[in-house]
Amino acid sequence: MPATTYSNLVQYLIVSSYGGPQDAEQKDIKQAIIRSYDELTTMRDWSYYHSYGRVILQAPYSTGTVEIDGGGVTGVGTSWSTVFGLTDAPTHFTLRVADRNYQIAGYSSSTSLSLTEADADLSVPAGSSYTLFRSIYALPSDFRNMDEPSDEYNWWSGLYVTPDQAMKIERVSNSSGEPFHWTIIKDPDSAGWAIKVVGYPTGQQTLDFTYRRTAADISALAPDSNTALDIPLHMSTAMHSAAEYWLARIRKTGEDKAYQFYQRDLRLALEQDQLAPLSGRSREIWHDGGWRSQLRPDVG
């Protein structure tokens, strides 16, 4: 079966709705394709969209001493350019002095940092020791959701906590070394998502994870585009019937019949997704966190 292209789907909707060649430019056809594509690709964690990701955890930095006054941080004997030279987002870093965390707002030089407005009235005397560590790491731009990450020493890496719990744990018991607690937040430096690690490594290391990506954007495609839709072959029929249903819904005609075909084809796609790309038996997988394959019931 050939891959489903955008133009093929446009032509299918023209034929199925008894339209003419001029219908390719109609906005309702394009909207039907976009709406059905968005719905179908996000309604479940399809096997096709599973991907691997990695973030490189940076080592903490504590060379020299600091003074904090009026929201500004002045370092003595520091070389912060070696830290922030690895990233364009100072907001991903935290400064810890005397068991208190300060959020970095900006980086000016190897001896000058600025804090967020919330910390503008706090002060720390000159000569204070500190730890500068990175706790926030940007996730892939196509990130949708993820499984628990794995550090270099464990099958798993701590436990997922809510953003509120992460804040409280970091505030009262921040420490170095794995395993780490972790949470997902909006990236403070972009419109995307980020993983926040509670705790920080003693040295540079990697954190790997499996995540579900979003499907490629098709909103800018022209009706005659031969670009293949970002779907697996076993979703092709469901894609056609989903688009047909959404067109019927937009035009307010034949919705019930189109919906029945959509549900039938969707059920077949769901059944095939349980087997693709595997066939036959698969062994149960355990790790030291205690879970195993979701395809088999946990009977203790």
C-alpha atoms as a PDB file:
ATOM      1  CA  MET A   1       0.000   0.000   0.000  1.00  0.00           C
ATOM      2  CA  PRO A   2       1.514   3.352  -1.008  1.00  0.00           C
ATOM      3  CA  ALA A   3       1.850   6.126   1.532  1.00  0.00           C
ATOM      4  CA  THR A   4      -1.093   8.518   1.829  1.00  0.00           C
ATOM      5  CA  THR A   5      -0.197  11.905   0.387  1.00  0.00           C
ATOM      6  CA  TYR A   6      -1.969  15.181   0.970  1.00  0.00           C
ATOM      7  CA  SER A   7      -3.027  15.489  -2.692  1.00  0.00           C
ATOM      8  CA  ASN A   8      -4.377  11.918  -2.721  1.00  0.00           C
ATOM      9  CA  LEU A   9      -6.526  12.700   0.294  1.00  0.00           C
ATOM     10  CA  VAL A  10      -7.831  15.884  -1.339  1.00  0.00           C
ATOM     11  CA  GLN A  11      -8.774  13.939  -4.450  1.00  0.00           C
ATOM     12  CA  TYR A  12     -10.446  11.251  -2.376  1.00  0.00           C
ATOM     13  CA  LEU A  13     -12.669  13.812  -0.644  1.00  0.00           C
ATOM     14  CA  ILE A  14     -13.578  15.403  -3.973  1.00  0.00           C
ATOM     15  CA  VAL A  15     -14.675  12.037  -5.358  1.00  0.00           C
ATOM     16  CA  SER A  16     -16.426  10.830  -2.193  1.00  0.00           C
ATOM     17  CA  SER A  17     -18.395  14.091  -1.915  1.00  0.00           C
ATOM     18  CA  TYR A  18     -19.287  14.088  -5.654  1.00  0.00           C
ATOM     19  CA  GLY A  19     -17.403  17.303  -6.261  1.00  0.00           C
ATOM     20  CA  GLY A  20     -15.548  18.654  -9.275  1.00  0.00           C
ATOM     21  CA  PRO A  21     -11.893  19.594  -9.889  1.00  0.00           C
ATOM     22  CA  GLN A  22     -12.518  23.124  -8.622  1.00  0.00           C
ATOM     23  CA  ASP A  23     -13.341  21.727  -5.171  1.00  0.00           C
ATOM     24  CA  ALA A  24      -9.634  21.190  -4.477  1.00  0.00           C
ATOM     25  CA  GLU A  25      -9.415  24.851  -3.455  1.00  0.00           C
ATOM     26  CA  GLN A  26     -12.380  24.768  -1.119  1.00  0.00           C
ATOM     27  CA  LYS A  27     -11.494  25.627   2.437  1.00  0.00           C
ATOM     28  CA  ASP A  28     -13.817  23.033   3.941  1.00  0.00           C
ATOM     29  CA  ILE A  29     -11.825  20.176   2.376  1.00  0.00           C
ATOM     30  CA  LYS A  30      -8.577  21.507   3.792  1.00  0.00           C
ATOM     31  CA  GLN A  31     -10.139  22.062   7.202  1.00  0.00           C
ATOM     32  CA  ALA A  32     -11.586  18.543   7.184  1.00  0.00           C
ATOM     33  CA  ILE A  33      -8.137  17.079   6.489  1.00  0.00           C
ATOM     34  CA  ILE A  34      -6.403  19.179   9.137  1.00  0.00           C
ATOM     35  CA  ARG A  35      -9.029  18.487  11.811  1.00  0.00           C
ATOM     36  CA  SER A  36      -9.136  14.744  11.142  1.00  0.00           C
ATOM     37  CA  TYR A  37      -5.328  14.516  10.989  1.00  0.00           C
ATOM     38  CA  ASP A  38      -4.936  16.352  14.305  1.00  0.00           C
ATOM     39  CA  GLU A  39      -7.587  14.216  15.953  1.00  0.00           C
ATOM     40  CA  LEU A  40      -6.382  10.868  14.641  1.00  0.00           C
ATOM     41  CA  THR A  41      -2.696  11.378  15.411  1.00  0.00           C
ATOM     42  CA  THR A  42      -3.282  12.542  19.000  1.00  0.00           C
ATOM     43  CA  MET A  43      -6.173  10.374  20.177  1.00  0.00           C
ATOM     44  CA  ARG A  44      -3.782   7.707  21.449  1.00  0.00           C
ATOM     45  CA  ASP A  45      -0.078   7.013  21.839  1.00  0.00           C
ATOM     46  CA  TRP A  46       0.345   5.247  18.503  1.00  0.00           C
ATOM     47  CA  SER A  47       3.438   3.033  18.258  1.00  0.00           C
ATOM     48  CA  TYR A  48       4.537   4.947  15.167  1.00  0.00           C
ATOM     49  CA  TYR A  49       5.179   8.118  17.157  1.00  0.00           C
ATOM     50  CA  HIS A  50       7.428   6.601  19.827  1.00  0.00           C
ATOM     51  CA  SER A  51      10.893   8.174  19.715  1.00  0.00           C
ATOM     52  CA  TYR A  52      14.051   8.282  21.803  1.00  0.00           C
ATOM     53  CA  GLY A  53      15.348  11.442  23.426  1.00  0.00           C
ATOM     54  CA  ARG A  54      18.390  12.447  25.446  1.00  0.00           C
ATOM     55  CA  VAL A  55      19.393  15.409  27.558  1.00  0.00           C
ATOM     56  CA  ILE A  56      22.946  15.993  28.739  1.00  0.00           C
ATOM     57  CA  LEU A  57      22.970  16.876  32.410  1.00  0.00           C
ATOM     58  CA  GLN A  58      25.597  19.490  33.229  1.00  0.00           C
ATOM     59  CA  ALA A  59      27.918  19.285  36.185  1.00  0.00           C
ATOM     60  CA  PRO A  60      27.401  21.865  38.963  1.00  0.00           C
ATOM     61  CA  TYR A  61      29.775  24.801  39.266  1.00  0.00           C
ATOM     62  CA  SER A  62      31.000  26.290  42.564  1.00  0.00           C
ATOM     63  CA  THR A  63      34.363  27.934  41.848  1.00  0.00           C
ATOM     64  CA  GLY A  64      34.923  31.258  43.653  1.00  0.00           C
ATOM     65  CA  THR A  65      32.508  33.188  45.876  1.00  0.00           C
ATOM     66  CA  VAL A  66      29.478  35.441  45.362  1.00  0.00           C
ATOM     67  CA  GLU A  67      27.767  38.521  46.706  1.00  0.00           C
ATOM     68  CA  ILE A  68      24.058  39.235  46.090  1.00  0.00           C
ATOM     69  CA  ASP A  69      22.657  42.751  46.320  1.00  0.00           C
ATOM     70  CA  GLY A  70      19.581  44.332  44.735  1.00  0.00           C
ATOM     71  CA  GLY A  71      18.867  41.406  42.426  1.00  0.00           C
ATOM     72  CA  GLY A  72      22.422  41.317  41.093  1.00  0.00           C
ATOM     73  CA  VAL A  73      25.045  38.619  41.677  1.00  0.00           C
ATOM     74  CA  THR A  74      28.739  39.535  41.656  1.00  0.00           C
ATOM     75  CA  GLY A  75      31.264  36.742  41.528  1.00  0.00           C
ATOM     76  CA  VAL A  76      34.879  36.737  42.685  1.00  0.00           C
ATOM     77  CA  GLY A  77      37.141  34.127  41.117  1.00  0.00           C
ATOM     78  CA  THR A  78      34.256  32.866  38.977  1.00  0.00           C
ATOM     79  CA  SER A  79      34.227  31.961  35.303  1.00  0.00           C
ATOM     80  CA  TRP A  80      30.535  31.681  34.512  1.00  0.00           C
ATOM     81  CA  SER A  81      31.130  31.921  30.766  1.00  0.00           C
ATOM     82  CA  THR A  82      32.258  28.281  30.913  1.00  0.00           C
ATOM     83  CA  VAL A  83      28.831  27.396  32.314  1.00  0.00           C
ATOM     84  CA  PHE A  84      26.512  29.544  30.214  1.00  0.00           C
ATOM     85  CA  GLY A  85      28.567  29.002  27.080  1.00  0.00           C
ATOM     86  CA  LEU A  86      26.828  25.642  26.806  1.00  0.00           C
ATOM     87  CA  THR A  87      23.331  27.112  26.628  1.00  0.00           C
ATOM     88  CA  ASP A  88      21.438  30.223  25.561  1.00  0.00           C
ATOM     89  CA  ALA A  89      19.013  29.981  28.468  1.00  0.00           C
ATOM     90  CA  PRO A  90      20.248  31.307  31.843  1.00  0.00           C
ATOM     91  CA  THR A  91      16.661  30.790  33.084  1.00  0.00           C
ATOM     92  CA  HIS A  92      17.395  27.044  33.093  1.00  0.00           C
ATOM     93  CA  PHE A  93      19.858  27.535  35.973  1.00  0.00           C
ATOM     94  CA  THR A  94      19.529  27.874  39.735  1.00  0.00           C
ATOM     95  CA  LEU A  95      21.945  29.532  42.159  1.00  0.00           C
ATOM     96  CA  ARG A  96      22.009  27.961  45.612  1.00  0.00           C
ATOM     97  CA  VAL A  97      23.527  29.922  48.493  1.00  0.00           C
ATOM     98  CA  ALA A  98      23.185  28.978  52.173  1.00  0.00           C
ATOM     99  CA  ASP A  99      20.373  26.473  51.507  1.00  0.00           C
ATOM    100  CA  ARG A 100      18.341  29.036  49.549  1.00  0.00           C
ATOM    101  CA  ASN A 101      17.644  28.791  45.801  1.00  0.00           C
ATOM    102  CA  TYR A 102      17.725  31.819  43.496  1.00  0.00           C
ATOM    103  CA  GLN A 103      16.382  31.736  39.937  1.00  0.00           C
ATOM    104  CA  ILE A 104      18.713  33.166  37.303  1.00  0.00           C
ATOM    105  CA  ALA A 105      17.133  35.767  35.010  1.00  0.00           C
ATOM    106  CA  GLY A 106      20.164  36.841  32.964  1.00  0.00           C
ATOM    107  CA  TYR A 107      23.878  36.388  32.394  1.00  0.00           C
ATOM    108  CA  SER A 108      26.134  39.382  31.748  1.00  0.00           C
ATOM    109  CA  SER A 109      29.708  38.168  32.174  1.00  0.00           C
ATOM    110  CA  SER A 110      31.873  35.611  33.938  1.00  0.00           C
ATOM    111  CA  THR A 111      31.401  37.557  37.168  1.00  0.00           C
ATOM    112  CA  SER A 112      27.910  39.032  36.810  1.00  0.00           C
ATOM    113  CA  LEU A 113      24.412  37.482  36.945  1.00  0.00           C
ATOM    114  CA  SER A 114      20.943  38.916  37.487  1.00  0.00           C
ATOM    115  CA  LEU A 115      18.142  37.302  39.467  1.00  0.00           C
ATOM    116  CA  THR A 116      14.391  37.356  38.927  1.00  0.00           C
ATOM    117  CA  GLU A 117      12.378  40.275  40.236  1.00  0.00           C
ATOM    118  CA  ALA A 118      11.070  38.129  43.090  1.00  0.00           C
ATOM    119  CA  ASP A 119      14.587  37.982  44.593  1.00  0.00           C
ATOM    120  CA  ALA A 120      15.438  41.672  44.089  1.00  0.00           C
ATOM    121  CA  ASP A 121      15.219  42.500  47.823  1.00  0.00           C
ATOM    122  CA  LEU A 122      17.369  39.604  49.038  1.00  0.00           C
ATOM    123  CA  SER A 123      21.044  40.006  49.843  1.00  0.00           C
ATOM    124  CA  VAL A 124      24.025  37.734  50.550  1.00  0.00           C
ATOM    125  CA  PRO A 125      27.332  39.031  51.944  1.00  0.00           C
ATOM    126  CA  ALA A 126      30.515  38.991  49.871  1.00  0.00           C
ATOM    127  CA  GLY A 127      32.661  35.886  50.114  1.00  0.00           C
ATOM    128  CA  SER A 128      29.722  33.477  50.264  1.00  0.00           C
ATOM    129  CA  SER A 129      30.145  29.995  48.813  1.00  0.00           C
ATOM    130  CA  TYR A 130      27.554  28.848  46.298  1.00  0.00           C
ATOM    131  CA  THR A 131      26.503  26.147  43.839  1.00  0.00           C
ATOM    132  CA  LEU A 132      25.326  26.988  40.328  1.00  0.00           C
ATOM    133  CA  PHE A 133      23.469  24.110  38.710  1.00  0.00           C
ATOM    134  CA  ARG A 134      21.183  23.503  35.783  1.00  0.00           C
ATOM    135  CA  SER A 135      17.816  21.939  36.608  1.00  0.00           C
ATOM    136  CA  ILE A 136      15.775  22.618  33.430  1.00  0.00           C
ATOM    137  CA  TYR A 137      16.461  21.018  30.048  1.00  0.00           C
ATOM    138  CA  ALA A 138      14.514  21.704  26.858  1.00  0.00           C
ATOM    139  CA  LEU A 139      12.699  18.718  25.355  1.00  0.00           C
ATOM    140  CA  PRO A 140      12.450  18.035  21.595  1.00  0.00           C
ATOM    141  CA  SER A 141      10.282  20.490  19.680  1.00  0.00           C
ATOM    142  CA  ASP A 142       7.913  17.661  18.669  1.00  0.00           C
ATOM    143  CA  PHE A 143       7.500  16.418  22.266  1.00  0.00           C
ATOM    144  CA  ARG A 144       4.002  15.351  23.386  1.00  0.00           C
ATOM    145  CA  ASN A 145       4.499  13.077  26.400  1.00  0.00           C
ATOM    146  CA  MET A 146       7.138  10.718  27.758  1.00  0.00           C
ATOM    147  CA  ASP A 147       7.926   7.666  29.862  1.00  0.00           C
ATOM    148  CA  GLU A 148      10.162   7.779  32.915  1.00  0.00           C
ATOM    149  CA  PRO A 149      13.764   8.639  32.034  1.00  0.00           C
ATOM    150  CA  SER A 150      16.814   6.477  32.690  1.00  0.00           C
ATOM    151  CA  ASP A 151      20.137   7.761  33.959  1.00  0.00           C
ATOM    152  CA  GLU A 152      23.477   6.054  33.325  1.00  0.00           C
ATOM    153  CA  TYR A 153      23.280   3.905  36.441  1.00  0.00           C
ATOM    154  CA  ASN A 154      19.639   2.795  36.670  1.00  0.00           C
ATOM    155  CA  TRP A 155      16.840   1.522  34.437  1.00  0.00           C
ATOM    156  CA  TRP A 156      14.837   4.366  35.856  1.00  0.00           C
ATOM    157  CA  SER A 157      15.672   7.759  37.314  1.00  0.00           C
ATOM    158  CA  GLY A 158      13.761   8.632  40.435  1.00  0.00           C
ATOM    159  CA  LEU A 159      10.063   9.338  40.440  1.00  0.00           C
ATOM    160  CA  TYR A 160       7.778  11.697  38.589  1.00  0.00           C
ATOM    161  CA  VAL A 161       6.493  14.506  40.805  1.00  0.00           C
ATOM    162  CA  THR A 162       4.147  17.380  40.047  1.00  0.00           C
ATOM    163  CA  PRO A 163       5.675  20.821  39.399  1.00  0.00           C
ATOM    164  CA  ASP A 164       4.441  21.918  42.831  1.00  0.00           C
ATOM    165  CA  GLN A 165       6.057  18.926  44.530  1.00  0.00           C
ATOM    166  CA  ALA A 166       9.268  19.556  42.578  1.00  0.00           C
ATOM    167  CA  MET A 167       9.406  23.116  43.889  1.00  0.00           C
ATOM    168  CA  LYS A 168       8.933  21.986  47.483  1.00  0.00           C
ATOM    169  CA  ILE A 169      11.471  19.149  47.310  1.00  0.00           C
ATOM    170  CA  GLU A 170      14.054  21.401  45.687  1.00  0.00           C
ATOM    171  CA  ARG A 171      13.460  24.122  48.255  1.00  0.00           C
ATOM    172  CA  VAL A 172      13.958  22.017  51.381  1.00  0.00           C
ATOM    173  CA  SER A 173      16.126  19.055  50.405  1.00  0.00           C
ATOM    174  CA  ASN A 174      18.019  19.802  47.221  1.00  0.00           C
ATOM    175  CA  SER A 175      20.979  17.455  46.803  1.00  0.00           C
ATOM    176  CA  SER A 176      23.344  16.069  44.228  1.00  0.00           C
ATOM    177  CA  GLY A 177      23.534  12.583  42.796  1.00  0.00           C
ATOM    178  CA  GLU A 178      21.089  10.150  41.263  1.00  0.00           C
ATOM    179  CA  PRO A 179      18.416   8.926  41.169  1.00  0.00           C
ATOM    180  CA  PHE A 180      16.628  12.194  40.479  1.00  0.00           C
ATOM    181  CA  HIS A 181      13.037  13.208  40.856  1.00  0.00           C
ATOM    182  CA  TRP A 182      11.693  14.903  37.751  1.00  0.00           C
ATOM    183  CA  THR A 183       8.710  16.760  36.359  1.00  0.00           C
ATOM    184  CA  ILE A 184       7.553  18.354  33.102  1.00  0.00           C
ATOM    185  CA  ILE A 185       7.044  22.124  32.844  1.00  0.00           C
ATOM    186  CA  LYS A 186       6.707  24.741  30.148  1.00  0.00           C
ATOM    187  CA  ASP A 187      10.173  25.808  29.057  1.00  0.00           C
ATOM    188  CA  PRO A 188      10.699  29.294  30.567  1.00  0.00           C
ATOM    189  CA  ASP A 189      12.846  30.221  27.575  1.00  0.00           C
ATOM    190  CA  SER A 190      10.577  29.047  24.734  1.00  0.00           C
ATOM    191  CA  ALA A 191       7.061  27.957  23.818  1.00  0.00           C
ATOM    192  CA  GLY A 192       7.967  24.280  24.182  1.00  0.00           C
ATOM    193  CA  TRP A 193       8.226  21.800  27.049  1.00  0.00           C
ATOM    194  CA  ALA A 194      11.126  21.069  29.369  1.00  0.00           C
ATOM    195  CA  ILE A 195      12.096  18.420  31.896  1.00  0.00           C
ATOM    196  CA  LYS A 196      12.966  19.750  35.330  1.00  0.00           C
ATOM    197  CA  VAL A 197      15.342  17.574  37.319  1.00  0.00           C
ATOM    198  CA  VAL A 198      15.091  17.811  41.083  1.00  0.00           C
ATOM    199  CA  GLY A 199      18.647  17.430  42.285  1.00  0.00           C
ATOM    200  CA  TYR A 200      21.736  17.732  40.133  1.00  0.00           C
ATOM    201  CA  PRO A 201      24.495  15.354  38.997  1.00  0.00           C
ATOM    202  CA  THR A 202      27.966  15.364  40.499  1.00  0.00           C
ATOM    203  CA  GLY A 203      29.369  15.419  36.960  1.00  0.00           C
ATOM    204  CA  GLN A 204      28.206  15.539  33.369  1.00  0.00           C
ATOM    205  CA  GLN A 205      26.029  12.588  32.383  1.00  0.00           C
ATOM    206  CA  THR A 206      23.141  11.688  30.114  1.00  0.00           C
ATOM    207  CA  LEU A 207      19.462  11.126  30.781  1.00  0.00           C
ATOM    208  CA  ASP A 208      17.653   9.035  28.159  1.00  0.00           C
ATOM    209  CA  PHE A 209      13.918   8.656  27.684  1.00  0.00           C
ATOM    210  CA  THR A 210      11.249   7.392  25.333  1.00  0.00           C
ATOM    211  CA  TYR A 211       8.678   9.935  24.266  1.00  0.00           C
ATOM    212  CA  ARG A 212       5.738  10.327  21.926  1.00  0.00           C
ATOM    213  CA  ARG A 213       6.218  12.975  19.288  1.00  0.00           C
ATOM    214  CA  THR A 214       3.618  15.067  17.530  1.00  0.00           C
ATOM    215  CA  ALA A 215       2.926  14.378  13.859  1.00  0.00           C
ATOM    216  CA  ALA A 216       4.409  16.705  11.244  1.00  0.00           C
ATOM    217  CA  ASP A 217       2.425  19.888  10.616  1.00  0.00           C
ATOM    218  CA  ILE A 218       0.396  19.817   7.384  1.00  0.00           C
ATOM    219  CA  SER A 219      -1.419  23.149   7.693  1.00  0.00           C
ATOM    220  CA  ALA A 220       0.770  24.874   5.068  1.00  0.00           C
ATOM    221  CA  LEU A 221       0.495  22.182   2.375  1.00  0.00           C
ATOM    222  CA  ALA A 222      -1.103  23.026  -0.982  1.00  0.00           C
ATOM    223  CA  PRO A 223      -3.910  20.842  -2.404  1.00  0.00           C
ATOM    224  CA  ASP A 224      -1.567  19.384  -5.043  1.00  0.00           C
ATOM    225  CA  SER A 225       1.226  18.608  -2.572  1.00  0.00           C
ATOM    226  CA  ASN A 226       2.707  15.126  -2.906  1.00  0.00           C
ATOM    227  CA  THR A 227       4.010  15.226   0.654  1.00  0.00           C
ATOM    228  CA  ALA A 228       3.249  11.967   2.444  1.00  0.00           C
ATOM    229  CA  LEU A 229       1.211  12.360   5.608  1.00  0.00           C
ATOM    230  CA  ASP A 230       3.087  11.514   8.792  1.00  0.00           C
ATOM    231  CA  ILE A 231       1.059   8.390   9.567  1.00  0.00           C
ATOM    232  CA  PRO A 232       1.821   4.640   9.453  1.00  0.00           C
ATOM    233  CA  LEU A 233       0.297   2.523   6.686  1.00  0.00           C
ATOM    234  CA  HIS A 234      -2.141   0.789   9.045  1.00  0.00           C
ATOM    235  CA  MET A 235      -3.725   4.200   9.801  1.00  0.00           C
ATOM    236  CA  SER A 236      -4.263   5.089   6.138  1.00  0.00           C
ATOM    237  CA  THR A 237      -7.844   3.799   5.853  1.00  0.00           C
ATOM    238  CA  ALA A 238      -8.792   5.401   9.157  1.00  0.00           C
ATOM    239  CA  MET A 239      -7.308   8.676   7.906  1.00  0.00           C
ATOM    240  CA  HIS A 240      -9.508   8.614   4.814  1.00  0.00           C
ATOM    241  CA  SER A 241     -12.692   7.826   6.731  1.00  0.00           C
ATOM    242  CA  ALA A 242     -11.828  10.387   9.441  1.00  0.00           C
ATOM    243  CA  ALA A 243     -11.399  13.093   6.806  1.00  0.00           C
ATOM    244  CA  GLU A 244     -14.656  12.047   5.158  1.00  0.00           C
ATOM    245  CA  TYR A 245     -16.454  12.230   8.502  1.00  0.00           C
ATOM    246  CA  TRP A 246     -15.067  15.687   9.277  1.00  0.00           C
ATOM    247  CA  LEU A 247     -16.077  16.955   5.832  1.00  0.00           C
ATOM    248  CA  ALA A 248     -19.608  15.631   6.402  1.00  0.00           C
ATOM    249  CA  ARG A 249     -19.613  17.279   9.809  1.00  0.00           C
ATOM    250  CA  ILE A 250     -18.476  20.621   8.394  1.00  0.00           C
ATOM    251  CA  ARG A 251     -21.026  20.466   5.586  1.00  0.00           C
ATOM    252  CA  LYS A 252     -23.715  19.105   7.968  1.00  0.00           C
ATOM    253  CA  THR A 253     -24.758  16.277   5.684  1.00  0.00           C
ATOM    254  CA  GLY A 254     -24.377  12.494   5.996  1.00  0.00           C
ATOM    255  CA  GLU A 255     -22.618  12.727   9.364  1.00  0.00           C
ATOM    256  CA  ASP A 256     -24.060   9.569  10.951  1.00  0.00           C
ATOM    257  CA  LYS A 257     -23.117   7.259   8.085  1.00  0.00           C
ATOM    258  CA  ALA A 258     -19.638   8.769   7.780  1.00  0.00           C
ATOM    259  CA  TYR A 259     -19.142   8.380  11.531  1.00  0.00           C
ATOM    260  CA  GLN A 260     -19.989   4.675  11.403  1.00  0.00           C
ATOM    261  CA  PHE A 261     -17.333   4.024   8.759  1.00  0.00           C
ATOM    262  CA  TYR A 262     -14.862   6.140  10.728  1.00  0.00           C
ATOM    263  CA  GLN A 263     -15.436   4.095  13.893  1.00  0.00           C
ATOM    264  CA  ARG A 264     -15.057   0.802  12.022  1.00  0.00           C
ATOM    265  CA  ASP A 265     -11.773   1.841  10.372  1.00  0.00           C
ATOM    266  CA  LEU A 266     -10.488   3.349  13.595  1.00  0.00           C
ATOM    267  CA  ARG A 267     -11.118   0.104  15.456  1.00  0.00           C
ATOM    268  CA  LEU A 268      -9.162  -1.829  12.815  1.00  0.00           C
ATOM    269  CA  ALA A 269      -6.276   0.651  13.076  1.00  0.00           C
ATOM    270  CA  LEU A 270      -6.242   0.270  16.861  1.00  0.00           C
ATOM    271  CA  GLU A 271      -6.119  -3.509  16.578  1.00  0.00           C
ATOM    272  CA  GLN A 272      -3.268  -3.389  14.077  1.00  0.00           C
ATOM    273  CA  ASP A 273      -1.343  -0.926  16.228  1.00  0.00           C
ATOM    274  CA  GLN A 274      -1.188  -3.519  19.023  1.00  0.00           C
ATOM    275  CA  LEU A 275       0.793  -5.800  16.684  1.00  0.00           C
ATOM    276  CA  ALA A 276       2.844  -3.354  14.645  1.00  0.00           C
ATOM    277  CA  PRO A 277       5.715  -3.756  14.266  1.00  0.00           C
ATOM    278  CA  LEU A 278       5.761  -6.949  16.394  1.00  0.00           C
ATOM    279  CA  SER A 279       4.339 -10.335  15.520  1.00  0.00           C
ATOM    280  CA  GLY A 280       3.998 -13.340  17.784  1.00  0.00           C
ATOM    281  CA  ARG A 281       4.954 -13.514  21.428  1.00  0.00           C
ATOM    282  CA  SER A 282       6.881 -10.857  23.269  1.00  0.00           C
ATOM    283  CA  ARG A 283       8.619 -11.479  26.581  1.00  0.00           C
ATOM    284  CA  GLU A 284       7.716  -9.592  29.730  1.00  0.00           C
ATOM    285  CA  ILE A 285      10.090  -6.762  30.576  1.00  0.00           C
ATOM    286  CA  TRP A 286      10.854  -5.841  34.172  1.00  0.00           C
ATOM    287  CA  HIS A 287      13.011  -3.117  35.654  1.00  0.00           C
ATOM    288  CA  ASP A 288      14.053  -2.221  39.184  1.00  0.00           C
ATOM    289  CA  GLY A 289      11.109   0.180  39.524  1.00  0.00           C
ATOM    290  CA  GLY A 290       8.734  -2.797  39.394  1.00  0.00           C
ATOM    291  CA  TRP A 291       6.762  -2.332  36.178  1.00  0.00           C
ATOM    292  CA  ARG A 292       6.448  -4.636  33.203  1.00  0.00           C
ATOM    293  CA  SER A 293       4.922  -4.656  29.736  1.00  0.00           C
ATOM    294  CA  GLN A 294       1.493  -2.974  29.663  1.00  0.00           C
ATOM    295  CA  LEU A 295       0.315  -5.620  27.199  1.00  0.00           C
ATOM    296  CA  ARG A 296       0.170  -8.159  30.023  1.00  0.00           C
ATOM    297  CA  PRO A 297      -1.803  -7.829  33.267  1.00  0.00           C
ATOM    298  CA  ASP A 298       0.123  -7.399  36.480  1.00  0.00           C
ATOM    299  CA  VAL A 299      -0.904 -10.343  38.662  1.00  0.00           C
ATOM    300  CA  GLY A 300       1.558  -9.600  41.413  1.00  0.00           C
END
